[in-house]
Amino acid sequence: MSEQFSRWDPVDQLKSEEDMAMYLDACLEEDPGDGSVVRAALNDIARAQA
C-alpha cells in the first residue's frame, strides 16, 4: 500500500493581514541566515494578496 501525499500551499491559510504578519514573523525566526525562507514567505504573501 503506497501513501498518497498532497501539496500544501501556505497561501491557502493567509486570509488576513494578521495571518500574513504572523507568518512572516515565524519565517524570520526560522530563516537560516541566507534569506531563503524570508524570500519564500514574501512570495507567498504576495500571492495571497493577488
PDB file of N, CA and C in Angstrom:
ATOM      1  N   MET A   1       0.856  -1.180   0.000  1.00  0.00           N
ATOM      2  CA  MET A   1       0.000   0.000   0.000  1.00  0.00           C
ATOM      3  C   MET A   1       0.903   1.245   0.000  1.00  0.00           C
ATOM      4  N   SER A   2       0.711   2.109  -0.963  1.00  0.00           N
ATOM      5  CA  SER A   2       1.523   3.323  -1.019  1.00  0.00           C
ATOM      6  C   SER A   2       0.745   4.496  -0.432  1.00  0.00           C
ATOM      7  N   GLU A   3       1.486   5.399   0.148  1.00  0.00           N
ATOM      8  CA  GLU A   3       0.869   6.585   0.743  1.00  0.00           C
ATOM      9  C   GLU A   3       0.661   7.651  -0.317  1.00  0.00           C
ATOM     10  N   GLN A   4      -0.403   8.385  -0.183  1.00  0.00           N
ATOM     11  CA  GLN A   4      -0.697   9.491  -1.082  1.00  0.00           C
ATOM     12  C   GLN A   4      -0.487  10.797  -0.327  1.00  0.00           C
ATOM     13  N   PHE A   5       0.259  11.688  -0.906  1.00  0.00           N
ATOM     14  CA  PHE A   5       0.504  12.985  -0.300  1.00  0.00           C
ATOM     15  C   PHE A   5      -0.027  14.075  -1.208  1.00  0.00           C
ATOM     16  N   SER A   6      -0.475  15.151  -0.624  1.00  0.00           N
ATOM     17  CA  SER A   6      -0.908  16.299  -1.411  1.00  0.00           C
ATOM     18  C   SER A   6      -0.022  17.490  -1.049  1.00  0.00           C
ATOM     19  N   ARG A   7       0.140  18.364  -1.981  1.00  0.00           N
ATOM     20  CA  ARG A   7       0.997  19.534  -1.778  1.00  0.00           C
ATOM     21  C   ARG A   7       0.241  20.549  -0.933  1.00  0.00           C
ATOM     22  N   TRP A   8       0.902  21.064   0.104  1.00  0.00           N
ATOM     23  CA  TRP A   8       0.316  22.064   0.978  1.00  0.00           C
ATOM     24  C   TRP A   8       0.802  23.436   0.536  1.00  0.00           C
ATOM     25  N   ASP A   9      -0.108  24.374   0.366  1.00  0.00           N
ATOM     26  CA  ASP A   9       0.246  25.728  -0.040  1.00  0.00           C
ATOM     27  C   ASP A   9      -0.115  26.685   1.092  1.00  0.00           C
ATOM     28  N   PRO A  10       0.878  27.359   1.691  1.00  0.00           N
ATOM     29  CA  PRO A  10       0.588  28.261   2.805  1.00  0.00           C
ATOM     30  C   PRO A  10      -0.336  29.408   2.422  1.00  0.00           C
ATOM     31  N   VAL A  11      -0.406  29.728   1.149  1.00  0.00           N
ATOM     32  CA  VAL A  11      -1.266  30.821   0.696  1.00  0.00           C
ATOM     33  C   VAL A  11      -2.727  30.558   1.066  1.00  0.00           C
ATOM     34  N   ASP A  12      -3.117  29.300   1.096  1.00  0.00           N
ATOM     35  CA  ASP A  12      -4.490  28.953   1.457  1.00  0.00           C
ATOM     36  C   ASP A  12      -4.824  29.357   2.888  1.00  0.00           C
ATOM     37  N   GLN A  13      -3.820  29.520   3.730  1.00  0.00           N
ATOM     38  CA  GLN A  13      -4.041  29.854   5.138  1.00  0.00           C
ATOM     39  C   GLN A  13      -3.895  31.348   5.434  1.00  0.00           C
ATOM     40  N   LEU A  14      -3.387  32.114   4.490  1.00  0.00           N
ATOM     41  CA  LEU A  14      -3.122  33.542   4.710  1.00  0.00           C
ATOM     42  C   LEU A  14      -4.347  34.350   4.309  1.00  0.00           C
ATOM     43  N   LYS A  15      -5.284  34.488   5.226  1.00  0.00           N
ATOM     44  CA  LYS A  15      -6.563  35.139   4.937  1.00  0.00           C
ATOM     45  C   LYS A  15      -6.608  36.608   5.348  1.00  0.00           C
ATOM     46  N   SER A  16      -5.820  36.996   6.347  1.00  0.00           N
ATOM     47  CA  SER A  16      -5.887  38.375   6.848  1.00  0.00           C
ATOM     48  C   SER A  16      -4.488  38.966   6.950  1.00  0.00           C
ATOM     49  N   GLU A  17      -4.447  40.257   7.156  1.00  0.00           N
ATOM     50  CA  GLU A  17      -3.166  40.943   7.348  1.00  0.00           C
ATOM     51  C   GLU A  17      -2.443  40.382   8.577  1.00  0.00           C
ATOM     52  N   GLU A  18      -3.209  40.042   9.608  1.00  0.00           N
ATOM     53  CA  GLU A  18      -2.613  39.485  10.823  1.00  0.00           C
ATOM     54  C   GLU A  18      -1.986  38.116  10.538  1.00  0.00           C
ATOM     55  N   ASP A  19      -2.677  37.294   9.761  1.00  0.00           N
ATOM     56  CA  ASP A  19      -2.126  35.989   9.371  1.00  0.00           C
ATOM     57  C   ASP A  19      -0.793  36.177   8.647  1.00  0.00           C
ATOM     58  N   MET A  20      -0.763  37.126   7.724  1.00  0.00           N
ATOM     59  CA  MET A  20       0.443  37.369   6.936  1.00  0.00           C
ATOM     60  C   MET A  20       1.592  37.870   7.814  1.00  0.00           C
ATOM     61  N   ALA A  21       1.282  38.740   8.756  1.00  0.00           N
ATOM     62  CA  ALA A  21       2.308  39.264   9.655  1.00  0.00           C
ATOM     63  C   ALA A  21       2.871  38.159  10.552  1.00  0.00           C
ATOM     64  N   MET A  22       2.002  37.320  11.082  1.00  0.00           N
ATOM     65  CA  MET A  22       2.470  36.230  11.939  1.00  0.00           C
ATOM     66  C   MET A  22       3.296  35.219  11.141  1.00  0.00           C
ATOM     67  N   TYR A  23       2.896  34.952   9.913  1.00  0.00           N
ATOM     68  CA  TYR A  23       3.635  34.037   9.036  1.00  0.00           C
ATOM     69  C   TYR A  23       5.029  34.592   8.753  1.00  0.00           C
ATOM     70  N   LEU A  24       5.097  35.873   8.432  1.00  0.00           N
ATOM     71  CA  LEU A  24       6.395  36.492   8.162  1.00  0.00           C
ATOM     72  C   LEU A  24       7.270  36.480   9.410  1.00  0.00           C
ATOM     73  N   ASP A  25       6.708  36.773  10.568  1.00  0.00           N
ATOM     74  CA  ASP A  25       7.479  36.727  11.817  1.00  0.00           C
ATOM     75  C   ASP A  25       8.056  35.333  12.055  1.00  0.00           C
ATOM     76  N   ALA A  26       7.241  34.307  11.847  1.00  0.00           N
ATOM     77  CA  ALA A  26       7.712  32.934  12.042  1.00  0.00           C
ATOM     78  C   ALA A  26       8.825  32.597  11.057  1.00  0.00           C
ATOM     79  N   CYS A  27       8.685  33.045   9.823  1.00  0.00           N
ATOM     80  CA  CYS A  27       9.711  32.766   8.812  1.00  0.00           C
ATOM     81  C   CYS A  27      10.999  33.522   9.110  1.00  0.00           C
ATOM     82  N   LEU A  28      10.897  34.725   9.652  1.00  0.00           N
ATOM     83  CA  LEU A  28      12.091  35.474  10.042  1.00  0.00           C
ATOM     84  C   LEU A  28      12.868  34.722  11.120  1.00  0.00           C
ATOM     85  N   GLU A  29      12.150  34.119  12.050  1.00  0.00           N
ATOM     86  CA  GLU A  29      12.792  33.353  13.125  1.00  0.00           C
ATOM     87  C   GLU A  29      13.450  32.080  12.605  1.00  0.00           C
ATOM     88  N   GLU A  30      12.843  31.447  11.607  1.00  0.00           N
ATOM     89  CA  GLU A  30      13.331  30.162  11.102  1.00  0.00           C
ATOM     90  C   GLU A  30      14.362  30.294   9.982  1.00  0.00           C
ATOM     91  N   ASP A  31      14.554  31.485   9.454  1.00  0.00           N
ATOM     92  CA  ASP A  31      15.482  31.666   8.334  1.00  0.00           C
ATOM     93  C   ASP A  31      16.905  31.297   8.764  1.00  0.00           C
ATOM     94  N   PRO A  32      17.613  30.520   7.941  1.00  0.00           N
ATOM     95  CA  PRO A  32      18.956  30.078   8.316  1.00  0.00           C
ATOM     96  C   PRO A  32      20.028  31.164   8.171  1.00  0.00           C
ATOM     97  N   GLY A  33      19.644  32.349   7.732  1.00  0.00           N
ATOM     98  CA  GLY A  33      20.604  33.436   7.616  1.00  0.00           C
ATOM     99  C   GLY A  33      20.903  33.848   6.187  1.00  0.00           C
ATOM    100  N   ASP A  34      20.389  33.072   5.246  1.00  0.00           N
ATOM    101  CA  ASP A  34      20.637  33.413   3.850  1.00  0.00           C
ATOM    102  C   ASP A  34      19.440  34.092   3.181  1.00  0.00           C
ATOM    103  N   GLY A  35      18.362  34.266   3.909  1.00  0.00           N
ATOM    104  CA  GLY A  35      17.186  34.946   3.393  1.00  0.00           C
ATOM    105  C   GLY A  35      16.263  34.072   2.572  1.00  0.00           C
ATOM    106  N   SER A  36      16.567  32.799   2.431  1.00  0.00           N
ATOM    107  CA  SER A  36      15.761  31.929   1.571  1.00  0.00           C
ATOM    108  C   SER A  36      14.336  31.752   2.095  1.00  0.00           C
ATOM    109  N   VAL A  37      14.189  31.596   3.394  1.00  0.00           N
ATOM    110  CA  VAL A  37      12.861  31.398   3.970  1.00  0.00           C
ATOM    111  C   VAL A  37      12.065  32.700   3.913  1.00  0.00           C
ATOM    112  N   VAL A  38      12.741  33.818   4.145  1.00  0.00           N
ATOM    113  CA  VAL A  38      12.079  35.125   4.087  1.00  0.00           C
ATOM    114  C   VAL A  38      11.614  35.418   2.660  1.00  0.00           C
ATOM    115  N   ARG A  39      12.455  35.129   1.675  1.00  0.00           N
ATOM    116  CA  ARG A  39      12.070  35.343   0.278  1.00  0.00           C
ATOM    117  C   ARG A  39      10.859  34.495  -0.083  1.00  0.00           C
ATOM    118  N   ALA A  40      10.847  33.260   0.350  1.00  0.00           N
ATOM    119  CA  ALA A  40       9.709  32.383   0.072  1.00  0.00           C
ATOM    120  C   ALA A  40       8.443  32.918   0.746  1.00  0.00           C
ATOM    121  N   ALA A  41       8.574  33.404   1.970  1.00  0.00           N
ATOM    122  CA  ALA A  41       7.422  33.948   2.694  1.00  0.00           C
ATOM    123  C   ALA A  41       6.880  35.186   1.999  1.00  0.00           C
ATOM    124  N   LEU A  42       7.761  36.057   1.561  1.00  0.00           N
ATOM    125  CA  LEU A  42       7.311  37.271   0.866  1.00  0.00           C
ATOM    126  C   LEU A  42       6.612  36.915  -0.444  1.00  0.00           C
ATOM    127  N   ASN A  43       7.098  35.895  -1.119  1.00  0.00           N
ATOM    128  CA  ASN A  43       6.439  35.425  -2.342  1.00  0.00           C
ATOM    129  C   ASN A  43       5.047  34.874  -2.017  1.00  0.00           C
ATOM    130  N   ASP A  44       4.950  34.088  -0.949  1.00  0.00           N
ATOM    131  CA  ASP A  44       3.644  33.545  -0.531  1.00  0.00           C
ATOM    132  C   ASP A  44       2.679  34.661  -0.193  1.00  0.00           C
ATOM    133  N   ILE A  45       3.138  35.664   0.530  1.00  0.00           N
ATOM    134  CA  ILE A  45       2.276  36.787   0.934  1.00  0.00           C
ATOM    135  C   ILE A  45       1.812  37.556  -0.296  1.00  0.00           C
ATOM    136  N   ALA A  46       2.708  37.773  -1.248  1.00  0.00           N
ATOM    137  CA  ALA A  46       2.324  38.473  -2.487  1.00  0.00           C
ATOM    138  C   ALA A  46       1.254  37.682  -3.242  1.00  0.00           C
ATOM    139  N   ARG A  47       1.415  36.356  -3.310  1.00  0.00           N
ATOM    140  CA  ARG A  47       0.422  35.526  -3.990  1.00  0.00           C
ATOM    141  C   ARG A  47      -0.919  35.561  -3.254  1.00  0.00           C
ATOM    142  N   ALA A  48      -0.880  35.638  -1.915  1.00  0.00           N
ATOM    143  CA  ALA A  48      -2.114  35.663  -1.132  1.00  0.00           C
ATOM    144  C   ALA A  48      -2.885  36.974  -1.339  1.00  0.00           C
ATOM    145  N   GLN A  49      -2.162  38.037  -1.616  1.00  0.00           N
ATOM    146  CA  GLN A  49      -2.801  39.335  -1.801  1.00  0.00           C
ATOM    147  C   GLN A  49      -3.338  39.518  -3.209  1.00  0.00           C
ATOM    148  N   ALA A  50      -2.925  38.680  -4.130  1.00  0.00           N
ATOM    149  CA  ALA A  50      -3.351  38.826  -5.529  1.00  0.00           C
ATOM    150  C   ALA A  50      -4.765  38.351  -5.727  1.00  0.00           C
TER     151      ALA A  50
END
